Amino acid sequence: IIVHLSAAIGLVFFLLQHQCALRIWPIFALCSCVPIFIEYSAAIYKIVRQRV
């Protein structure tokens, strides 16, 4: 059941990628990069605050 579900999800993503790759993928990339950027900036802020 899990294999079929993952295959179905993979097929949906494959179709989405071909149908509207240029519109959707930048949004996905941005949404995935924003939390990482926030974590990095918070970590840098903590390091700077500890040194001062």
Protein backbone atom coordinates (compact mmCIF):
# COMPACT_ATOMS: atom_id res chain seq x y z
CA ILE A 1 0.00 0.00 0.00
CA ILE A 2 2.84 2.40 0.90
CA VAL A 3 4.63 1.68 -2.38
CA HIS A 4 1.48 2.39 -4.39
CA LEU A 5 0.86 5.59 -2.44
CA SER A 6 4.40 6.87 -2.96
CA ALA A 7 4.18 5.96 -6.66
CA ALA A 8 0.92 7.89 -6.96
CA ILE A 9 2.43 10.91 -5.18
CA GLY A 10 5.48 10.69 -7.44
CA LEU A 11 3.25 10.59 -10.50
CA VAL A 12 1.29 13.63 -9.29
CA PHE A 13 4.50 15.59 -8.70
CA PHE A 14 5.80 14.46 -12.11
CA LEU A 15 2.64 15.73 -13.80
CA LEU A 16 2.68 18.98 -11.84
CA GLN A 17 6.32 19.52 -12.76
CA HIS A 18 5.51 19.22 -16.46
CA GLN A 19 2.22 21.17 -16.39
CA CYS A 20 3.28 24.26 -14.45
CA ALA A 21 6.95 23.97 -13.57
CA LEU A 22 7.81 27.60 -14.25
CA ARG A 23 4.96 28.94 -12.14
CA ILE A 24 5.03 26.65 -9.09
CA TRP A 25 8.64 25.58 -8.55
CA PRO A 26 10.00 29.06 -7.70
CA ILE A 27 7.30 29.31 -5.01
CA PHE A 28 8.25 25.88 -3.61
CA ALA A 29 11.93 26.85 -3.64
CA LEU A 30 11.19 30.13 -1.87
CA CYS A 31 9.00 28.46 0.76
CA SER A 32 11.68 25.85 1.46
CA CYS A 33 14.50 28.43 1.60
CA VAL A 34 12.80 30.92 3.91
CA PRO A 35 12.81 28.72 7.09
CA ILE A 36 16.45 27.75 6.44
CA PHE A 37 17.38 31.43 6.05
CA ILE A 38 15.54 32.28 9.29
CA GLU A 39 17.36 29.51 11.16
CA TYR A 40 20.75 30.62 9.82
CA SER A 41 20.13 34.28 10.68
CA ALA A 42 18.95 33.31 14.18
CA ALA A 43 22.05 31.16 14.73
CA ILE A 44 24.34 33.96 13.52
CA TYR A 45 22.53 36.43 15.78
CA LYS A 46 23.06 34.14 18.79
CA ILE A 47 26.78 33.77 18.02
CA VAL A 48 27.22 37.53 17.63
CA ARG A 49 25.28 38.22 20.82
CA GLN A 50 27.41 35.74 22.80
CA ARG A 51 30.68 37.33 21.65
CA VAL A 52 29.52 40.86 22.53
